[in-house]
Protein backbone atom coordinates (compact mmCIF):
# COMPACT_ATOMS: atom_id res chain seq x y z
CA MET A 1 -0.73 -27.80 -21.40
CA ALA A 2 -0.18 -24.08 -21.90
CA THR A 3 -2.35 -21.58 -20.06
CA ARG A 4 -4.36 -19.48 -22.46
CA ILE A 5 -4.11 -15.77 -21.70
CA PRO A 6 -7.37 -14.05 -22.64
CA THR A 7 -7.55 -11.04 -24.89
CA LEU A 8 -8.36 -7.68 -23.36
CA PRO A 9 -11.90 -7.30 -24.76
CA GLN A 10 -12.94 -10.65 -23.27
CA TYR A 11 -12.74 -9.39 -19.68
CA THR A 12 -12.86 -5.63 -20.04
CA ASP A 13 -16.12 -5.07 -18.14
CA THR A 14 -15.03 -7.27 -15.22
CA LEU A 15 -11.58 -5.65 -15.03
CA ARG A 16 -13.01 -2.16 -15.31
CA SER A 17 -15.59 -2.75 -12.58
CA MET A 18 -13.07 -4.35 -10.25
CA LEU A 19 -10.46 -1.61 -10.73
CA CYS A 20 -13.02 1.18 -10.47
CA ALA A 21 -14.50 -0.22 -7.23
CA ARG A 22 -11.03 -0.65 -5.71
CA GLY A 23 -10.07 2.85 -6.81
CA LEU A 24 -13.16 4.45 -5.30
CA LEU A 25 -12.71 2.55 -2.01
CA ALA A 26 -9.05 3.60 -1.80
CA THR A 27 -9.88 7.22 -2.60
CA LEU A 28 -12.65 7.32 0.01
CA PHE A 29 -10.34 5.85 2.66
CA GLY A 30 -7.60 8.32 1.73
CA VAL A 31 -9.86 11.38 1.87
CA VAL A 32 -11.09 10.40 5.33
CA ALA A 33 -7.54 9.74 6.58
CA VAL A 34 -6.19 13.07 5.26
CA GLY A 35 -9.28 15.19 5.88
CA TRP A 36 -9.75 14.27 9.53
CA PRO A 37 -6.27 13.65 10.96
CA ALA A 38 -7.52 14.21 14.52
CA VAL A 39 -9.66 11.08 14.26
CA THR A 40 -8.27 8.51 16.64
CA VAL A 41 -5.84 5.95 15.33
CA HIS A 42 -8.30 3.33 16.49
CA ALA A 43 -10.95 4.64 14.07
CA VAL A 44 -8.43 4.87 11.24
CA ALA A 45 -7.28 1.31 11.96
CA VAL A 46 -10.88 0.09 11.87
CA GLY A 47 -11.43 2.04 8.65
CA PHE A 48 -8.34 0.49 7.11
CA GLY A 49 -9.41 -2.96 8.31
CA LEU A 50 -12.82 -2.55 6.65
CA TYR A 51 -11.24 -1.11 3.51
CA SER A 52 -8.75 -3.96 3.32
CA ILE A 53 -11.48 -6.60 3.71
CA LEU A 54 -13.74 -4.92 1.14
CA ASP A 55 -10.81 -4.46 -1.22
CA GLY A 56 -9.87 -8.13 -0.86
CA LEU A 57 -13.44 -9.31 -1.38
CA THR A 58 -13.82 -7.06 -4.43
CA LEU A 59 -10.60 -8.44 -5.82
CA LEU A 60 -11.68 -12.01 -5.04
CA VAL A 61 -15.00 -11.58 -6.86
CA GLY A 62 -13.21 -10.19 -9.90
CA ALA A 63 -10.55 -12.89 -9.78
CA THR A 64 -13.08 -15.73 -9.63
CA ARG A 65 -14.72 -14.36 -12.76
CA VAL A 66 -11.39 -14.34 -14.55
CA LEU A 67 -9.88 -17.70 -13.66
CA ASP A 68 -6.87 -17.71 -15.93
CA ALA A 69 -3.16 -16.93 -15.67
CA TRP A 70 -3.92 -13.69 -13.78
CA GLY A 71 -6.62 -15.09 -11.49
CA GLU A 72 -4.22 -16.96 -9.21
CA CYS A 73 -2.23 -13.81 -8.44
CA TRP A 74 -5.39 -11.85 -7.72
CA ILE A 75 -6.75 -14.58 -5.44
CA ALA A 76 -3.47 -14.52 -3.48
CA ALA A 77 -3.60 -10.70 -3.21
CA ALA A 78 -7.25 -10.89 -2.12
CA THR A 79 -6.42 -13.42 0.59
CA ILE A 80 -3.63 -11.22 1.96
CA ALA A 81 -5.89 -8.14 1.96
CA VAL A 82 -8.71 -9.94 3.79
CA ALA A 83 -6.28 -11.44 6.34
CA ALA A 84 -4.67 -8.05 7.03
CA GLY A 85 -8.06 -6.42 7.42
CA THR A 86 -9.30 -9.14 9.76
CA VAL A 87 -6.24 -8.90 12.03
CA THR A 88 -6.59 -5.12 12.09
CA LEU A 89 -10.28 -5.29 13.04
CA LEU A 90 -9.61 -7.82 15.80
CA TRP A 91 -6.76 -5.79 17.38
CA PRO A 92 -6.86 -2.23 15.97
CA ASP A 93 -4.89 -0.42 18.68
CA ILE A 94 -2.28 -3.12 19.06
CA THR A 95 -1.99 -3.45 15.28
CA ALA A 96 -1.36 0.28 14.79
CA LEU A 97 1.23 0.45 17.57
CA THR A 98 2.90 -2.78 16.44
CA VAL A 99 3.21 -1.49 12.88
CA LEU A 100 4.69 1.76 14.17
CA TYR A 101 7.28 -0.07 16.29
CA LEU A 102 8.14 -2.45 13.44
CA LEU A 103 8.67 0.53 11.15
CA ALA A 104 10.80 2.29 13.76
CA ILE A 105 12.99 -0.74 14.51
CA SER A 106 13.29 -1.58 10.82
CA ALA A 107 14.33 2.02 10.04
CA ILE A 108 16.97 1.99 12.79
CA LEU A 109 18.41 -1.39 11.77
CA ALA A 110 18.30 -0.79 8.01
CA GLY A 111 19.69 2.72 8.47
CA THR A 112 22.55 1.51 10.66
CA VAL A 113 23.53 -1.30 8.32
CA GLY A 114 23.10 0.97 5.31
CA ALA A 115 25.24 3.71 6.90
CA VAL A 116 28.06 1.23 7.58
CA GLY A 117 27.93 -0.04 4.01
CA ALA A 118 27.69 3.48 2.59
CA PHE A 119 30.62 4.61 4.76
CA ARG A 120 32.77 1.76 3.42
CA LEU A 121 31.68 2.44 -0.17
CA GLU A 122 32.16 6.18 -0.04
CA THR A 123 35.50 6.10 1.79
CA ALA A 124 36.78 3.52 -0.67
CA SER A 125 35.66 5.51 -3.70
CA SER A 126 36.19 9.16 -2.67
CA GLY A 127 38.14 8.95 0.57
CA ARG A 128 35.39 10.48 2.71
CA PRO A 129 31.83 9.72 3.68
CA GLY A 130 29.10 11.77 2.04
CA ARG A 131 25.50 11.78 0.93
CA LEU A 132 24.86 8.05 1.11
CA VAL A 133 25.88 7.92 4.76
CA THR A 134 23.71 10.98 5.44
CA ALA A 135 20.71 9.33 3.76
CA PHE A 136 21.01 6.22 5.92
CA LEU A 137 21.57 8.24 9.08
CA LEU A 138 18.33 10.11 8.30
CA LEU A 139 16.61 6.71 8.25
CA VAL A 140 18.04 5.97 11.71
CA LEU A 141 16.80 9.37 12.89
CA LEU A 142 13.31 8.60 11.57
CA GLY A 143 13.26 5.35 13.55
CA ILE A 144 14.37 7.10 16.73
CA LEU A 145 11.75 9.84 16.31
CA LEU A 146 9.02 7.23 15.82
CA LEU A 147 10.08 5.48 19.02
CA LEU A 148 10.25 8.75 20.99
CA ALA A 149 6.92 10.13 19.75
CA PRO A 150 4.71 7.21 18.71
CA GLY A 151 1.48 9.27 18.79
CA GLU A 152 2.77 11.92 16.40
CA GLY A 153 4.42 9.18 14.34
CA ILE A 154 1.15 7.33 13.91
CA MET A 155 -0.65 10.52 12.87
CA ALA A 156 2.05 11.29 10.31
CA ILE A 157 1.85 7.76 8.96
CA VAL A 158 -1.97 8.01 8.76
CA ARG A 159 -1.68 11.23 6.76
CA LEU A 160 0.89 9.68 4.44
CA LEU A 161 -1.19 6.52 4.02
CA GLY A 162 -4.23 8.68 3.26
CA ALA A 163 -2.36 10.68 0.62
CA TYR A 164 -1.10 7.45 -0.93
CA ALA A 165 -4.62 5.95 -0.92
CA VAL A 166 -6.03 9.00 -2.72
CA LEU A 167 -3.29 8.82 -5.36
CA PHE A 168 -3.60 5.03 -5.70
CA GLY A 169 -7.40 5.15 -5.87
CA THR A 170 -7.46 7.96 -8.39
CA THR A 171 -4.90 6.18 -10.56
CA LEU A 172 -6.92 2.93 -10.46
CA THR A 173 -10.15 4.75 -11.34
CA VAL A 174 -8.54 6.62 -14.24
CA GLY A 175 -6.98 3.34 -15.40
CA ALA A 176 -10.40 1.67 -15.31
CA ILE A 177 -11.85 4.44 -17.45
CA ARG A 178 -8.99 4.07 -19.92
CA ILE A 179 -9.59 0.32 -20.15
CA ARG A 180 -13.18 1.06 -21.21
CA ARG A 181 -11.99 3.54 -23.83
CA THR A 182 -9.39 1.05 -25.09
CA ARG A 183 -12.06 -1.65 -25.40
CA ASP A 184 -14.41 0.69 -27.24
CA THR A 185 -11.61 1.67 -29.62
CA TYR A 186 -10.58 -1.99 -30.08
CA LEU A 187 -14.12 -3.20 -30.83
CA GLY A 188 -14.90 -0.23 -33.07
C-alpha cells in the first residue's frame, strides 16, 4: 500500500507553527551564545541542552500531528535532539570538553589523511603539492590548536555555534512565514 503524501495546505498551520517555534528557539539560543561569550561553557552547555530538548519536543509534537511519510523522519530527529539535550544536561562540563577533544582529534586525523591523499593527487597531476595539501594541513593545525588551548577553543566554538543558531533560526522563521503566504496564495 502506497503512503499518501499530503498536500501543502492540509498541514500548513502545523508546519508553520513548528518551524516558527524552532526558529525562535534557535535564534534566542544563538543571540545568548554570541552576545555573552564570557558566560561559562557550563551555562552554554546547559542552555544548549535545554534548547535541544525543547527543540526535540516541539518537533515531536508537530510530527505526531502529521503522521505521514514525513512524520517518521521528524520523530527520529526529535528523538536524537532530546537524547543529545539530556546527555548534555546530565554532564555539561564533560560533554563540552569531550566534544572539543573529539573535534580536535577528528581534525588532526582527517587533516593528516587528507593531506596524504592531496599530496599524492597533486604530485601526480601537477608534479608538486599545492592548495589541497595546504587546506588539509590547516585542518591539522586547527586540531592541534584546540588541544593546546581548549578553553579558547570552546569559546570560539560557542561563538560559531551561536552565529549558526541565529542564521538557522532566522531562516526557519522566515521559511515559516513564507509557508503561510504560500498557503494563503494557494487557497485564494
